[in-house]
Amino acid sequence: MAQAPSAKALVDAAKAAGEVGEQADGFLGFVTTPADAALQAAVEEINAGRRRVYEETAGRNGVTPEVAGVAAAKALRDTRLKPGDYYRDIDGVWRRK
């Protein structure tokens, strides 16, 4: 998924600080209320890219984009989240890995 390096760097730093986490729907979300407009824009940019990927994946696999997003979230949570990273479970509760 195409994203600006600056957006990725902002989001990576916010993840490390516990401000941004992965959600059960496959999108990024804010663990805390964002104060930085640049961070909000970066999250929106990355989420837009993810939305495109989920739509493409859904079309290839005969599922909805929502199903593709949930599957991606599970794979990401299981394989790529580091200890201490935040994720929002299906019940909407933020947890740390």
PDB file of N, CA and C in Angstrom:
ATOM      1  N   MET A   1       0.845  -1.174   0.000  1.00  0.00           N
ATOM      2  CA  MET A   1       0.000   0.000   0.000  1.00  0.00           C
ATOM      3  C   MET A   1       0.883   1.227   0.000  1.00  0.00           C
ATOM      4  N   ALA A   2       0.567   2.157  -0.855  1.00  0.00           N
ATOM      5  CA  ALA A   2       1.373   3.370  -0.986  1.00  0.00           C
ATOM      6  C   ALA A   2       1.034   4.352   0.128  1.00  0.00           C
ATOM      7  N   GLN A   3       2.072   4.832   0.758  1.00  0.00           N
ATOM      8  CA  GLN A   3       1.893   5.845   1.799  1.00  0.00           C
ATOM      9  C   GLN A   3       3.159   6.680   1.837  1.00  0.00           C
ATOM     10  N   ALA A   4       2.998   7.922   2.201  1.00  0.00           N
ATOM     11  CA  ALA A   4       4.155   8.802   2.282  1.00  0.00           C
ATOM     12  C   ALA A   4       5.044   8.354   3.435  1.00  0.00           C
ATOM     13  N   PRO A   5       6.352   8.364   3.242  1.00  0.00           N
ATOM     14  CA  PRO A   5       7.251   8.003   4.340  1.00  0.00           C
ATOM     15  C   PRO A   5       7.029   8.862   5.583  1.00  0.00           C
ATOM     16  N   SER A   6       6.671  10.118   5.384  1.00  0.00           N
ATOM     17  CA  SER A   6       6.441  10.989   6.543  1.00  0.00           C
ATOM     18  C   SER A   6       5.208  10.546   7.327  1.00  0.00           C
ATOM     19  N   ALA A   7       4.165  10.080   6.622  1.00  0.00           N
ATOM     20  CA  ALA A   7       2.961   9.589   7.314  1.00  0.00           C
ATOM     21  C   ALA A   7       3.297   8.339   8.115  1.00  0.00           C
ATOM     22  N   LYS A   8       4.052   7.439   7.510  1.00  0.00           N
ATOM     23  CA  LYS A   8       4.432   6.207   8.206  1.00  0.00           C
ATOM     24  C   LYS A   8       5.273   6.525   9.435  1.00  0.00           C
ATOM     25  N   ALA A   9       6.215   7.446   9.296  1.00  0.00           N
ATOM     26  CA  ALA A   9       7.086   7.804  10.420  1.00  0.00           C
ATOM     27  C   ALA A   9       6.274   8.404  11.566  1.00  0.00           C
ATOM     28  N   LEU A  10       5.320   9.282  11.248  1.00  0.00           N
ATOM     29  CA  LEU A  10       4.467   9.876  12.290  1.00  0.00           C
ATOM     30  C   LEU A  10       3.657   8.801  13.006  1.00  0.00           C
ATOM     31  N   VAL A  11       3.069   7.908  12.230  1.00  0.00           N
ATOM     32  CA  VAL A  11       2.237   6.858  12.825  1.00  0.00           C
ATOM     33  C   VAL A  11       3.078   5.876  13.619  1.00  0.00           C
ATOM     34  N   ASP A  12       4.236   5.515  13.113  1.00  0.00           N
ATOM     35  CA  ASP A  12       5.111   4.598  13.863  1.00  0.00           C
ATOM     36  C   ASP A  12       5.499   5.205  15.212  1.00  0.00           C
ATOM     37  N   ALA A  13       5.820   6.488  15.218  1.00  0.00           N
ATOM     38  CA  ALA A  13       6.172   7.160  16.482  1.00  0.00           C
ATOM     39  C   ALA A  13       4.974   7.211  17.415  1.00  0.00           C
ATOM     40  N   ALA A  14       3.792   7.461  16.875  1.00  0.00           N
ATOM     41  CA  ALA A  14       2.582   7.515  17.700  1.00  0.00           C
ATOM     42  C   ALA A  14       2.223   6.132  18.249  1.00  0.00           C
ATOM     43  N   LYS A  15       2.471   5.098  17.459  1.00  0.00           N
ATOM     44  CA  LYS A  15       2.253   3.736  17.962  1.00  0.00           C
ATOM     45  C   LYS A  15       3.192   3.451  19.133  1.00  0.00           C
ATOM     46  N   ALA A  16       4.453   3.808  18.968  1.00  0.00           N
ATOM     47  CA  ALA A  16       5.444   3.579  20.024  1.00  0.00           C
ATOM     48  C   ALA A  16       5.091   4.352  21.288  1.00  0.00           C
ATOM     49  N   ALA A  17       4.455   5.501  21.133  1.00  0.00           N
ATOM     50  CA  ALA A  17       4.064   6.327  22.276  1.00  0.00           C
ATOM     51  C   ALA A  17       2.713   5.915  22.859  1.00  0.00           C
ATOM     52  N   GLY A  18       2.049   4.934  22.243  1.00  0.00           N
ATOM     53  CA  GLY A  18       0.761   4.476  22.748  1.00  0.00           C
ATOM     54  C   GLY A  18      -0.398   5.378  22.387  1.00  0.00           C
ATOM     55  N   GLU A  19      -0.234   6.203  21.356  1.00  0.00           N
ATOM     56  CA  GLU A  19      -1.291   7.119  20.929  1.00  0.00           C
ATOM     57  C   GLU A  19      -2.168   6.537  19.825  1.00  0.00           C
ATOM     58  N   VAL A  20      -1.604   5.652  19.020  1.00  0.00           N
ATOM     59  CA  VAL A  20      -2.297   5.054  17.882  1.00  0.00           C
ATOM     60  C   VAL A  20      -2.153   3.547  17.988  1.00  0.00           C
ATOM     61  N   GLY A  21      -3.210   2.841  17.584  1.00  0.00           N
ATOM     62  CA  GLY A  21      -3.160   1.389  17.597  1.00  0.00           C
ATOM     63  C   GLY A  21      -3.929   0.801  16.436  1.00  0.00           C
ATOM     64  N   GLU A  22      -3.844  -0.492  16.323  1.00  0.00           N
ATOM     65  CA  GLU A  22      -4.545  -1.238  15.282  1.00  0.00           C
ATOM     66  C   GLU A  22      -5.925  -1.633  15.786  1.00  0.00           C
ATOM     67  N   GLN A  23      -6.925  -1.524  14.923  1.00  0.00           N
ATOM     68  CA  GLN A  23      -8.294  -1.869  15.300  1.00  0.00           C
ATOM     69  C   GLN A  23      -8.699  -3.196  14.675  1.00  0.00           C
ATOM     70  N   ALA A  24      -9.728  -3.806  15.214  1.00  0.00           N
ATOM     71  CA  ALA A  24     -10.212  -5.100  14.746  1.00  0.00           C
ATOM     72  C   ALA A  24     -10.765  -5.045  13.325  1.00  0.00           C
ATOM     73  N   ASP A  25     -11.064  -3.844  12.825  1.00  0.00           N
ATOM     74  CA  ASP A  25     -11.593  -3.715  11.466  1.00  0.00           C
ATOM     75  C   ASP A  25     -10.504  -3.536  10.416  1.00  0.00           C
ATOM     76  N   GLY A  26      -9.237  -3.534  10.860  1.00  0.00           N
ATOM     77  CA  GLY A  26      -8.133  -3.405   9.926  1.00  0.00           C
ATOM     78  C   GLY A  26      -7.631  -1.991   9.724  1.00  0.00           C
ATOM     79  N   PHE A  27      -8.207  -1.047  10.445  1.00  0.00           N
ATOM     80  CA  PHE A  27      -7.801   0.348  10.314  1.00  0.00           C
ATOM     81  C   PHE A  27      -7.088   0.812  11.574  1.00  0.00           C
ATOM     82  N   LEU A  28      -6.332   1.893  11.436  1.00  0.00           N
ATOM     83  CA  LEU A  28      -5.698   2.522  12.585  1.00  0.00           C
ATOM     84  C   LEU A  28      -6.735   3.314  13.351  1.00  0.00           C
ATOM     85  N   GLY A  29      -6.536   3.419  14.653  1.00  0.00           N
ATOM     86  CA  GLY A  29      -7.407   4.234  15.486  1.00  0.00           C
ATOM     87  C   GLY A  29      -6.590   4.923  16.560  1.00  0.00           C
ATOM     88  N   PHE A  30      -7.204   5.900  17.192  1.00  0.00           N
ATOM     89  CA  PHE A  30      -6.528   6.663  18.239  1.00  0.00           C
ATOM     90  C   PHE A  30      -6.844   6.076  19.608  1.00  0.00           C
ATOM     91  N   VAL A  31      -5.795   5.698  20.307  1.00  0.00           N
ATOM     92  CA  VAL A  31      -5.926   5.197  21.679  1.00  0.00           C
ATOM     93  C   VAL A  31      -6.232   6.376  22.600  1.00  0.00           C
ATOM     94  N   THR A  32      -5.603   7.506  22.317  1.00  0.00           N
ATOM     95  CA  THR A  32      -5.835   8.742  23.058  1.00  0.00           C
ATOM     96  C   THR A  32      -6.337   9.794  22.076  1.00  0.00           C
ATOM     97  N   THR A  33      -6.942  10.827  22.571  1.00  0.00           N
ATOM     98  CA  THR A  33      -7.447  11.893  21.713  1.00  0.00           C
ATOM     99  C   THR A  33      -6.274  12.593  21.029  1.00  0.00           C
ATOM    100  N   PRO A  34      -6.295  12.642  19.697  1.00  0.00           N
ATOM    101  CA  PRO A  34      -5.159  13.234  18.986  1.00  0.00           C
ATOM    102  C   PRO A  34      -5.162  14.758  19.109  1.00  0.00           C
ATOM    103  N   ALA A  35      -3.995  15.307  19.361  1.00  0.00           N
ATOM    104  CA  ALA A  35      -3.856  16.755  19.452  1.00  0.00           C
ATOM    105  C   ALA A  35      -3.152  17.305  18.217  1.00  0.00           C
ATOM    106  N   ASP A  36      -2.521  16.450  17.467  1.00  0.00           N
ATOM    107  CA  ASP A  36      -1.686  16.857  16.345  1.00  0.00           C
ATOM    108  C   ASP A  36      -2.421  16.647  15.015  1.00  0.00           C
ATOM    109  N   ALA A  37      -2.664  17.743  14.294  1.00  0.00           N
ATOM    110  CA  ALA A  37      -3.355  17.661  13.009  1.00  0.00           C
ATOM    111  C   ALA A  37      -2.556  16.841  11.996  1.00  0.00           C
ATOM    112  N   ALA A  38      -1.239  16.916  12.050  1.00  0.00           N
ATOM    113  CA  ALA A  38      -0.402  16.148  11.119  1.00  0.00           C
ATOM    114  C   ALA A  38      -0.564  14.650  11.365  1.00  0.00           C
ATOM    115  N   LEU A  39      -0.668  14.255  12.632  1.00  0.00           N
ATOM    116  CA  LEU A  39      -0.874  12.847  12.955  1.00  0.00           C
ATOM    117  C   LEU A  39      -2.251  12.392  12.479  1.00  0.00           C
ATOM    118  N   GLN A  40      -3.253  13.206  12.696  1.00  0.00           N
ATOM    119  CA  GLN A  40      -4.600  12.859  12.208  1.00  0.00           C
ATOM    120  C   GLN A  40      -4.587  12.653  10.696  1.00  0.00           C
ATOM    121  N   ALA A  41      -3.924  13.553   9.977  1.00  0.00           N
ATOM    122  CA  ALA A  41      -3.839  13.451   8.523  1.00  0.00           C
ATOM    123  C   ALA A  41      -3.077  12.188   8.109  1.00  0.00           C
ATOM    124  N   ALA A  42      -2.025  11.846   8.835  1.00  0.00           N
ATOM    125  CA  ALA A  42      -1.238  10.651   8.523  1.00  0.00           C
ATOM    126  C   ALA A  42      -2.080   9.388   8.710  1.00  0.00           C
ATOM    127  N   VAL A  43      -2.841   9.330   9.800  1.00  0.00           N
ATOM    128  CA  VAL A  43      -3.714   8.179  10.048  1.00  0.00           C
ATOM    129  C   VAL A  43      -4.766   8.079   8.943  1.00  0.00           C
ATOM    130  N   GLU A  44      -5.348   9.197   8.571  1.00  0.00           N
ATOM    131  CA  GLU A  44      -6.349   9.196   7.499  1.00  0.00           C
ATOM    132  C   GLU A  44      -5.746   8.723   6.179  1.00  0.00           C
ATOM    133  N   GLU A  45      -4.532   9.174   5.870  1.00  0.00           N
ATOM    134  CA  GLU A  45      -3.862   8.764   4.639  1.00  0.00           C
ATOM    135  C   GLU A  45      -3.616   7.259   4.616  1.00  0.00           C
ATOM    136  N   ILE A  46      -3.095   6.734   5.707  1.00  0.00           N
ATOM    137  CA  ILE A  46      -2.812   5.294   5.765  1.00  0.00           C
ATOM    138  C   ILE A  46      -4.110   4.497   5.733  1.00  0.00           C
ATOM    139  N   ASN A  47      -5.123   4.948   6.441  1.00  0.00           N
ATOM    140  CA  ASN A  47      -6.404   4.246   6.420  1.00  0.00           C
ATOM    141  C   ASN A  47      -7.035   4.263   5.025  1.00  0.00           C
ATOM    142  N   ALA A  48      -6.873   5.346   4.287  1.00  0.00           N
ATOM    143  CA  ALA A  48      -7.396   5.402   2.916  1.00  0.00           C
ATOM    144  C   ALA A  48      -6.684   4.370   2.035  1.00  0.00           C
ATOM    145  N   GLY A  49      -5.377   4.249   2.216  1.00  0.00           N
ATOM    146  CA  GLY A  49      -4.634   3.234   1.474  1.00  0.00           C
ATOM    147  C   GLY A  49      -5.072   1.827   1.842  1.00  0.00           C
ATOM    148  N   ARG A  50      -5.289   1.611   3.114  1.00  0.00           N
ATOM    149  CA  ARG A  50      -5.765   0.292   3.545  1.00  0.00           C
ATOM    150  C   ARG A  50      -7.147   0.000   2.960  1.00  0.00           C
ATOM    151  N   ARG A  51      -8.002   1.011   2.943  1.00  0.00           N
ATOM    152  CA  ARG A  51      -9.351   0.828   2.395  1.00  0.00           C
ATOM    153  C   ARG A  51      -9.259   0.358   0.940  1.00  0.00           C
ATOM    154  N   ARG A  52      -8.372   0.978   0.159  1.00  0.00           N
ATOM    155  CA  ARG A  52      -8.198   0.564  -1.243  1.00  0.00           C
ATOM    156  C   ARG A  52      -7.727  -0.888  -1.332  1.00  0.00           C
ATOM    157  N   VAL A  53      -6.783  -1.256  -0.490  1.00  0.00           N
ATOM    158  CA  VAL A  53      -6.276  -2.633  -0.495  1.00  0.00           C
ATOM    159  C   VAL A  53      -7.385  -3.612  -0.126  1.00  0.00           C
ATOM    160  N   TYR A  54      -8.178  -3.293   0.878  1.00  0.00           N
ATOM    161  CA  TYR A  54      -9.261  -4.190   1.294  1.00  0.00           C
ATOM    162  C   TYR A  54     -10.310  -4.326   0.200  1.00  0.00           C
ATOM    163  N   GLU A  55     -10.594  -3.243  -0.521  1.00  0.00           N
ATOM    164  CA  GLU A  55     -11.549  -3.313  -1.621  1.00  0.00           C
ATOM    165  C   GLU A  55     -11.021  -4.190  -2.743  1.00  0.00           C
ATOM    166  N   GLU A  56      -9.740  -4.043  -3.076  1.00  0.00           N
ATOM    167  CA  GLU A  56      -9.133  -4.881  -4.115  1.00  0.00           C
ATOM    168  C   GLU A  56      -9.107  -6.342  -3.695  1.00  0.00           C
ATOM    169  N   THR A  57      -8.712  -6.596  -2.466  1.00  0.00           N
ATOM    170  CA  THR A  57      -8.652  -7.964  -1.942  1.00  0.00           C
ATOM    171  C   THR A  57     -10.044  -8.590  -1.937  1.00  0.00           C
ATOM    172  N   ALA A  58     -11.021  -7.819  -1.526  1.00  0.00           N
ATOM    173  CA  ALA A  58     -12.406  -8.316  -1.487  1.00  0.00           C
ATOM    174  C   ALA A  58     -12.879  -8.710  -2.884  1.00  0.00           C
ATOM    175  N   GLY A  59     -12.582  -7.869  -3.861  1.00  0.00           N
ATOM    176  CA  GLY A  59     -12.998  -8.165  -5.230  1.00  0.00           C
ATOM    177  C   GLY A  59     -12.363  -9.439  -5.765  1.00  0.00           C
ATOM    178  N   ARG A  60     -11.109  -9.658  -5.437  1.00  0.00           N
ATOM    179  CA  ARG A  60     -10.418 -10.870  -5.902  1.00  0.00           C
ATOM    180  C   ARG A  60     -10.916 -12.129  -5.206  1.00  0.00           C
ATOM    181  N   ASN A  61     -11.385 -11.986  -3.966  1.00  0.00           N
ATOM    182  CA  ASN A  61     -11.730 -13.166  -3.171  1.00  0.00           C
ATOM    183  C   ASN A  61     -13.219 -13.361  -2.946  1.00  0.00           C
ATOM    184  N   GLY A  62     -14.043 -12.485  -3.522  1.00  0.00           N
ATOM    185  CA  GLY A  62     -15.494 -12.657  -3.403  1.00  0.00           C
ATOM    186  C   GLY A  62     -16.025 -12.442  -1.997  1.00  0.00           C
ATOM    187  N   VAL A  63     -15.396 -11.534  -1.249  1.00  0.00           N
ATOM    188  CA  VAL A  63     -15.872 -11.190   0.094  1.00  0.00           C
ATOM    189  C   VAL A  63     -16.095  -9.685   0.145  1.00  0.00           C
ATOM    190  N   THR A  64     -16.589  -9.197   1.259  1.00  0.00           N
ATOM    191  CA  THR A  64     -16.773  -7.759   1.412  1.00  0.00           C
ATOM    192  C   THR A  64     -15.461  -7.117   1.856  1.00  0.00           C
ATOM    193  N   PRO A  65     -15.308  -5.816   1.616  1.00  0.00           N
ATOM    194  CA  PRO A  65     -14.120  -5.132   2.123  1.00  0.00           C
ATOM    195  C   PRO A  65     -13.999  -5.227   3.646  1.00  0.00           C
ATOM    196  N   GLU A  66     -15.131  -5.269   4.331  1.00  0.00           N
ATOM    197  CA  GLU A  66     -15.105  -5.393   5.792  1.00  0.00           C
ATOM    198  C   GLU A  66     -14.489  -6.716   6.227  1.00  0.00           C
ATOM    199  N   VAL A  67     -14.849  -7.798   5.536  1.00  0.00           N
ATOM    200  CA  VAL A  67     -14.277  -9.117   5.841  1.00  0.00           C
ATOM    201  C   VAL A  67     -12.780  -9.112   5.554  1.00  0.00           C
ATOM    202  N   ALA A  68     -12.384  -8.502   4.459  1.00  0.00           N
ATOM    203  CA  ALA A  68     -10.959  -8.424   4.127  1.00  0.00           C
ATOM    204  C   ALA A  68     -10.206  -7.639   5.197  1.00  0.00           C
ATOM    205  N   GLY A  69     -10.795  -6.551   5.688  1.00  0.00           N
ATOM    206  CA  GLY A  69     -10.159  -5.745   6.726  1.00  0.00           C
ATOM    207  C   GLY A  69     -10.003  -6.501   8.030  1.00  0.00           C
ATOM    208  N   VAL A  70     -11.034  -7.220   8.416  1.00  0.00           N
ATOM    209  CA  VAL A  70     -10.978  -7.999   9.660  1.00  0.00           C
ATOM    210  C   VAL A  70      -9.903  -9.091   9.552  1.00  0.00           C
ATOM    211  N   ALA A  71      -9.831  -9.742   8.404  1.00  0.00           N
ATOM    212  CA  ALA A  71      -8.811 -10.782   8.210  1.00  0.00           C
ATOM    213  C   ALA A  71      -7.406 -10.175   8.273  1.00  0.00           C
ATOM    214  N   ALA A  72      -7.235  -9.010   7.663  1.00  0.00           N
ATOM    215  CA  ALA A  72      -5.934  -8.346   7.704  1.00  0.00           C
ATOM    216  C   ALA A  72      -5.576  -7.946   9.132  1.00  0.00           C
ATOM    217  N   ALA A  73      -6.562  -7.463   9.887  1.00  0.00           N
ATOM    218  CA  ALA A  73      -6.311  -7.056  11.276  1.00  0.00           C
ATOM    219  C   ALA A  73      -5.860  -8.239  12.113  1.00  0.00           C
ATOM    220  N   LYS A  74      -6.513  -9.371  11.932  1.00  0.00           N
ATOM    221  CA  LYS A  74      -6.148 -10.564  12.703  1.00  0.00           C
ATOM    222  C   LYS A  74      -4.722 -11.000  12.361  1.00  0.00           C
ATOM    223  N   ALA A  75      -4.401 -11.022  11.078  1.00  0.00           N
ATOM    224  CA  ALA A  75      -3.049 -11.421  10.663  1.00  0.00           C
ATOM    225  C   ALA A  75      -2.009 -10.451  11.221  1.00  0.00           C
ATOM    226  N   LEU A  76      -2.293  -9.179  11.160  1.00  0.00           N
ATOM    227  CA  LEU A  76      -1.361  -8.169  11.680  1.00  0.00           C
ATOM    228  C   LEU A  76      -1.178  -8.335  13.182  1.00  0.00           C
ATOM    229  N   ARG A  77      -2.279  -8.494  13.896  1.00  0.00           N
ATOM    230  CA  ARG A  77      -2.207  -8.646  15.355  1.00  0.00           C
ATOM    231  C   ARG A  77      -1.415  -9.892  15.729  1.00  0.00           C
ATOM    232  N   ASP A  78      -1.634 -10.966  15.009  1.00  0.00           N
ATOM    233  CA  ASP A  78      -0.988 -12.235  15.346  1.00  0.00           C
ATOM    234  C   ASP A  78       0.494 -12.279  14.966  1.00  0.00           C
ATOM    235  N   THR A  79       0.896 -11.523  13.947  1.00  0.00           N
ATOM    236  CA  THR A  79       2.255 -11.686  13.442  1.00  0.00           C
ATOM    237  C   THR A  79       3.146 -10.453  13.512  1.00  0.00           C
ATOM    238  N   ARG A  80       2.575  -9.252  13.528  1.00  0.00           N
ATOM    239  CA  ARG A  80       3.431  -8.080  13.385  1.00  0.00           C
ATOM    240  C   ARG A  80       3.400  -7.102  14.549  1.00  0.00           C
ATOM    241  N   LEU A  81       2.395  -7.199  15.417  1.00  0.00           N
ATOM    242  CA  LEU A  81       2.390  -6.288  16.564  1.00  0.00           C
ATOM    243  C   LEU A  81       3.489  -6.682  17.534  1.00  0.00           C
ATOM    244  N   LYS A  82       4.144  -5.663  18.067  1.00  0.00           N
ATOM    245  CA  LYS A  82       5.224  -5.900  19.026  1.00  0.00           C
ATOM    246  C   LYS A  82       4.662  -5.835  20.446  1.00  0.00           C
ATOM    247  N   PRO A  83       5.326  -6.447  21.391  1.00  0.00           N
ATOM    248  CA  PRO A  83       4.893  -6.308  22.781  1.00  0.00           C
ATOM    249  C   PRO A  83       4.801  -4.826  23.159  1.00  0.00           C
ATOM    250  N   GLY A  84       3.697  -4.471  23.769  1.00  0.00           N
ATOM    251  CA  GLY A  84       3.470  -3.087  24.157  1.00  0.00           C
ATOM    252  C   GLY A  84       2.611  -2.308  23.177  1.00  0.00           C
ATOM    253  N   ASP A  85       2.469  -2.811  21.923  1.00  0.00           N
ATOM    254  CA  ASP A  85       1.604  -2.145  20.949  1.00  0.00           C
ATOM    255  C   ASP A  85       0.143  -2.285  21.364  1.00  0.00           C
ATOM    256  N   TYR A  86      -0.632  -1.280  21.000  1.00  0.00           N
ATOM    257  CA  TYR A  86      -2.065  -1.309  21.305  1.00  0.00           C
ATOM    258  C   TYR A  86      -2.854  -1.852  20.126  1.00  0.00           C
ATOM    259  N   TYR A  87      -3.931  -2.574  20.458  1.00  0.00           N
ATOM    260  CA  TYR A  87      -4.904  -3.005  19.464  1.00  0.00           C
ATOM    261  C   TYR A  87      -6.282  -2.926  20.106  1.00  0.00           C
ATOM    262  N   ARG A  88      -7.267  -2.658  19.275  1.00  0.00           N
ATOM    263  CA  ARG A  88      -8.660  -2.588  19.740  1.00  0.00           C
ATOM    264  C   ARG A  88      -9.343  -3.873  19.331  1.00  0.00           C
ATOM    265  N   ASP A  89      -9.867  -4.603  20.312  1.00  0.00           N
ATOM    266  CA  ASP A  89     -10.507  -5.871  19.997  1.00  0.00           C
ATOM    267  C   ASP A  89     -11.907  -5.639  19.430  1.00  0.00           C
ATOM    268  N   ILE A  90     -12.566  -6.714  19.084  1.00  0.00           N
ATOM    269  CA  ILE A  90     -13.879  -6.659  18.434  1.00  0.00           C
ATOM    270  C   ILE A  90     -14.929  -5.992  19.323  1.00  0.00           C
ATOM    271  N   ASP A  91     -14.708  -6.009  20.648  1.00  0.00           N
ATOM    272  CA  ASP A  91     -15.638  -5.376  21.578  1.00  0.00           C
ATOM    273  C   ASP A  91     -15.358  -3.898  21.764  1.00  0.00           C
ATOM    274  N   GLY A  92     -14.342  -3.374  21.091  1.00  0.00           N
ATOM    275  CA  GLY A  92     -14.025  -1.956  21.163  1.00  0.00           C
ATOM    276  C   GLY A  92     -13.125  -1.567  22.317  1.00  0.00           C
ATOM    277  N   VAL A  93     -12.506  -2.551  22.958  1.00  0.00           N
ATOM    278  CA  VAL A  93     -11.642  -2.281  24.111  1.00  0.00           C
ATOM    279  C   VAL A  93     -10.182  -2.248  23.637  1.00  0.00           C
ATOM    280  N   TRP A  94      -9.465  -1.183  24.019  1.00  0.00           N
ATOM    281  CA  TRP A  94      -8.043  -1.097  23.695  1.00  0.00           C
ATOM    282  C   TRP A  94      -7.268  -1.990  24.639  1.00  0.00           C
ATOM    283  N   ARG A  95      -6.373  -2.792  24.089  1.00  0.00           N
ATOM    284  CA  ARG A  95      -5.525  -3.706  24.864  1.00  0.00           C
ATOM    285  C   ARG A  95      -4.083  -3.554  24.394  1.00  0.00           C
ATOM    286  N   ARG A  96      -3.168  -3.951  25.256  1.00  0.00           N
ATOM    287  CA  ARG A  96      -1.753  -3.985  24.877  1.00  0.00           C
ATOM    288  C   ARG A  96      -1.340  -5.411  24.638  1.00  0.00           C
ATOM    289  N   LYS A  97      -0.547  -5.589  23.625  1.00  0.00           N
ATOM    290  CA  LYS A  97      -0.045  -6.935  23.328  1.00  0.00           C
ATOM    291  C   LYS A  97       1.054  -7.273  24.314  1.00  0.00           C
TER     292      LYS A  97
END
